[in-house]
Protein backbone atom coordinates (compact mmCIF):
# COMPACT_ATOMS: atom_id res chain seq x y z
CA UNK A 1 13.53 -26.89 -18.57
CA UNK A 2 10.09 -25.26 -18.22
CA UNK A 3 10.63 -21.71 -19.42
CA UNK A 4 7.10 -21.18 -20.71
CA UNK A 5 5.68 -21.88 -17.26
CA UNK A 6 7.11 -18.62 -15.87
CA UNK A 7 5.28 -16.56 -18.48
CA UNK A 8 1.97 -18.16 -17.57
CA UNK A 9 1.99 -16.81 -14.01
CA UNK A 10 -0.68 -14.17 -13.44
CA UNK A 11 0.50 -10.57 -13.66
CA UNK A 12 0.65 -8.83 -10.31
CA UNK A 13 0.63 -5.06 -9.88
CA UNK A 14 2.69 -3.64 -7.03
CA UNK A 15 1.43 -0.45 -5.45
CA UNK A 16 4.25 1.53 -3.84
CA UNK A 17 3.23 4.39 -1.57
CA UNK A 18 5.99 6.57 -0.14
CA UNK A 19 4.70 8.21 3.03
CA UNK A 20 6.43 11.00 4.94
CA UNK A 21 5.27 11.34 8.53
CA UNK A 22 5.60 14.43 10.69
CA UNK A 23 8.66 13.97 12.94
CA UNK A 24 7.70 12.69 16.37
CA UNK A 25 4.49 11.09 15.04
CA UNK A 26 5.99 7.82 13.79
CA UNK A 27 4.70 5.62 16.64
CA UNK A 28 1.21 7.15 16.47
CA UNK A 29 1.14 6.64 12.69
CA UNK A 30 2.23 2.99 13.03
CA UNK A 31 -0.53 2.40 15.59
CA UNK A 32 -3.14 4.08 13.36
CA UNK A 33 -1.96 1.93 10.43
CA UNK A 34 -2.28 -1.28 12.49
CA UNK A 35 -5.79 -0.30 13.58
CA UNK A 36 -6.94 0.64 10.05
CA UNK A 37 -5.15 -1.83 7.78
CA UNK A 38 -8.14 -4.19 7.69
CA UNK A 39 -10.00 -1.50 5.71
CA UNK A 40 -7.58 -2.23 2.86
CA UNK A 41 -6.92 -5.90 3.55
CA UNK A 42 -10.53 -6.93 2.83
CA UNK A 43 -10.40 -5.48 -0.69
CA UNK A 44 -11.06 -7.91 -3.54
CA UNK A 45 -7.96 -8.45 -5.66
CA UNK A 46 -5.50 -7.72 -2.84
CA UNK A 47 -2.76 -10.35 -2.64
CA UNK A 48 -0.42 -9.02 0.04
CA UNK A 49 0.20 -5.88 2.06
CA UNK A 50 3.02 -4.62 4.25
CA UNK A 51 4.20 -1.34 5.69
CA UNK A 52 7.92 -0.68 6.08
CA UNK A 53 9.70 2.05 8.03
CA UNK A 54 13.01 3.66 7.14
CA UNK A 55 15.95 2.65 9.29
CA UNK A 56 18.05 5.70 8.44
CA UNK A 57 14.97 7.92 7.99
CA UNK A 58 12.37 6.75 10.54
CA UNK A 59 9.83 9.38 9.43
CA UNK A 60 9.74 7.74 5.98
CA UNK A 61 7.41 4.77 5.45
CA UNK A 62 6.81 2.70 2.33
CA UNK A 63 3.56 0.78 1.88
CA UNK A 64 3.79 -2.18 -0.51
CA UNK A 65 0.59 -3.80 -1.74
CA UNK A 66 0.27 -6.49 -4.40
CA UNK A 67 -2.96 -6.31 -6.41
CA UNK A 68 -4.43 -8.44 -9.18
CA UNK A 69 -4.58 -5.26 -11.30
CA UNK A 70 -4.58 -1.46 -11.10
CA UNK A 71 -8.38 -1.68 -11.37
CA UNK A 72 -8.48 -3.91 -8.29
CA UNK A 73 -6.77 -1.12 -6.37
CA UNK A 74 -8.75 1.76 -7.83
CA UNK A 75 -12.21 0.18 -8.02
CA UNK A 76 -11.89 -2.44 -5.28
CA UNK A 77 -10.59 0.00 -2.70
CA UNK A 78 -10.18 3.66 -3.70
CA UNK A 79 -13.74 3.98 -5.02
CA UNK A 80 -15.29 2.39 -1.92
CA UNK A 81 -16.41 3.90 1.37
CA UNK A 82 -13.40 2.23 3.02
CA UNK A 83 -10.89 4.61 1.38
CA UNK A 84 -12.03 7.83 3.12
CA UNK A 85 -12.07 5.96 6.44
CA UNK A 86 -8.50 4.77 5.77
CA UNK A 87 -7.31 8.30 4.97
CA UNK A 88 -9.14 9.70 7.99
CA UNK A 89 -7.30 7.22 10.22
CA UNK A 90 -3.76 7.68 8.87
CA UNK A 91 -3.89 11.03 7.05
CA UNK A 92 -3.45 13.30 10.09
CA UNK A 93 0.12 12.01 10.48
CA UNK A 94 1.25 12.85 6.92
CA UNK A 95 3.93 15.54 6.57
CA UNK A 96 2.91 15.80 2.90
CA UNK A 97 0.67 13.84 0.52
CA UNK A 98 1.95 10.31 -0.21
CA UNK A 99 3.47 9.51 -3.59
CA UNK A 100 1.66 6.45 -4.97
CA UNK A 101 2.66 4.53 -8.11
CA UNK A 102 1.95 1.13 -9.62
CA UNK A 103 4.63 -1.22 -10.92
CA UNK A 104 4.60 -4.49 -12.86
CA UNK A 105 7.25 -7.16 -12.94
CA UNK A 106 9.78 -7.14 -15.76
CA UNK A 107 9.61 -10.53 -17.46
């Protein structure tokens, strides 16, 4: 049994962004996301990225991004010129500001 091996895996930080979209703008938001996601995807330290849409609440989206660290998110993306372009592309569809938090795996 190799229990110690699990603890040696690199720590990953999960960014969870809950996004409320103005009703009737869901398709336009999804299209804007698809067109702009490369602005985030090229960030150093990004491991994976996916946008999900609520089944029961289609105006509610959740963006899930795995980063090497919180710093990778903040410095590798939010403090670059790509972040304002990203918000310019998707921000007009927000019903309210997104709620963004970082999570780490319980080991």
